[in-house]
Amino acid sequence: MLDVGCGTGRQALNVAEIIGPAGQLTGIDPSSYRIELARKSLTEISPAMPIFW
């Protein structure tokens, strides 16, 4: 899945749970601050699929 304008990644992570471990998530956002927040959110969960911000 490609999430353009992912912001903090909250919605992308919700969709990633639905897709499951067979998928892959890539999120992009013009705000480096929001990307950092998205990366920090990954440390709080353990996703079943590869996620790239």
C-alpha atoms as a PDB file:
ATOM      1  CA  MET A   1       0.000   0.000   0.000  1.00  0.00           C
ATOM      2  CA  LEU A   2       1.227   3.510  -0.764  1.00  0.00           C
ATOM      3  CA  ASP A   3      -0.091   6.287   1.445  1.00  0.00           C
ATOM      4  CA  VAL A   4       0.628   9.692  -0.093  1.00  0.00           C
ATOM      5  CA  GLY A   5       0.251  12.448   2.483  1.00  0.00           C
ATOM      6  CA  CYS A   6       0.414   9.934   5.324  1.00  0.00           C
ATOM      7  CA  GLY A   7       0.831  12.529   8.063  1.00  0.00           C
ATOM      8  CA  THR A   8       1.512  10.749  11.338  1.00  0.00           C
ATOM      9  CA  GLY A   9       0.578   7.390   9.817  1.00  0.00           C
ATOM     10  CA  ARG A  10      -2.436   6.656  11.987  1.00  0.00           C
ATOM     11  CA  GLN A  11      -4.807   5.816   9.129  1.00  0.00           C
ATOM     12  CA  ALA A  12      -2.133   3.881   7.260  1.00  0.00           C
ATOM     13  CA  LEU A  13      -1.486   1.700  10.297  1.00  0.00           C
ATOM     14  CA  ASN A  14      -5.210   0.997  10.602  1.00  0.00           C
ATOM     15  CA  VAL A  15      -5.319  -0.168   6.986  1.00  0.00           C
ATOM     16  CA  ALA A  16      -2.115  -2.184   7.485  1.00  0.00           C
ATOM     17  CA  GLU A  17      -3.893  -4.223  10.152  1.00  0.00           C
ATOM     18  CA  ILE A  18      -6.631  -5.059   7.652  1.00  0.00           C
ATOM     19  CA  ILE A  19      -4.177  -5.987   4.879  1.00  0.00           C
ATOM     20  CA  GLY A  20      -2.154  -8.253   7.152  1.00  0.00           C
ATOM     21  CA  PRO A  21       1.365  -9.661   6.974  1.00  0.00           C
ATOM     22  CA  ALA A  22       1.276 -10.430   3.233  1.00  0.00           C
ATOM     23  CA  GLY A  23       1.329  -6.720   2.376  1.00  0.00           C
ATOM     24  CA  GLN A  24       3.776  -3.844   2.599  1.00  0.00           C
ATOM     25  CA  LEU A  25       3.151  -0.226   3.566  1.00  0.00           C
ATOM     26  CA  THR A  26       5.022   2.830   2.326  1.00  0.00           C
ATOM     27  CA  GLY A  27       4.014   6.256   3.569  1.00  0.00           C
ATOM     28  CA  ILE A  28       5.231   9.604   2.261  1.00  0.00           C
ATOM     29  CA  ASP A  29       4.530  13.105   3.501  1.00  0.00           C
ATOM     30  CA  PRO A  30       6.071  16.504   2.732  1.00  0.00           C
ATOM     31  CA  SER A  31       6.389  17.259   6.457  1.00  0.00           C
ATOM     32  CA  SER A  32       9.519  15.742   7.995  1.00  0.00           C
ATOM     33  CA  TYR A  33       8.033  16.380  11.444  1.00  0.00           C
ATOM     34  CA  ARG A  34       5.008  14.195  10.682  1.00  0.00           C
ATOM     35  CA  ILE A  35       7.244  11.454   9.263  1.00  0.00           C
ATOM     36  CA  GLU A  36       9.221  11.459  12.515  1.00  0.00           C
ATOM     37  CA  LEU A  37       5.957  11.069  14.454  1.00  0.00           C
ATOM     38  CA  ALA A  38       4.995   8.161  12.184  1.00  0.00           C
ATOM     39  CA  ARG A  39       8.371   6.489  12.797  1.00  0.00           C
ATOM     40  CA  LYS A  40       7.989   6.914  16.548  1.00  0.00           C
ATOM     41  CA  SER A  41       4.562   5.273  16.401  1.00  0.00           C
ATOM     42  CA  LEU A  42       6.223   2.142  14.973  1.00  0.00           C
ATOM     43  CA  THR A  43       8.265   1.749  18.149  1.00  0.00           C
ATOM     44  CA  GLU A  44       5.017   1.501  20.133  1.00  0.00           C
ATOM     45  CA  ILE A  45       3.518  -1.318  18.059  1.00  0.00           C
ATOM     46  CA  SER A  46       4.851  -4.386  16.340  1.00  0.00           C
ATOM     47  CA  PRO A  47       3.434  -4.426  12.847  1.00  0.00           C
ATOM     48  CA  ALA A  48       2.948  -7.706  11.008  1.00  0.00           C
ATOM     49  CA  MET A  49       4.192  -6.260   7.710  1.00  0.00           C
ATOM     50  CA  PRO A  50       7.149  -4.183   6.522  1.00  0.00           C
ATOM     51  CA  ILE A  51       6.446  -0.466   6.935  1.00  0.00           C
ATOM     52  CA  PHE A  52       8.556   2.320   5.440  1.00  0.00           C
ATOM     53  CA  TRP A  53       8.140   6.035   6.120  1.00  0.00           C
END
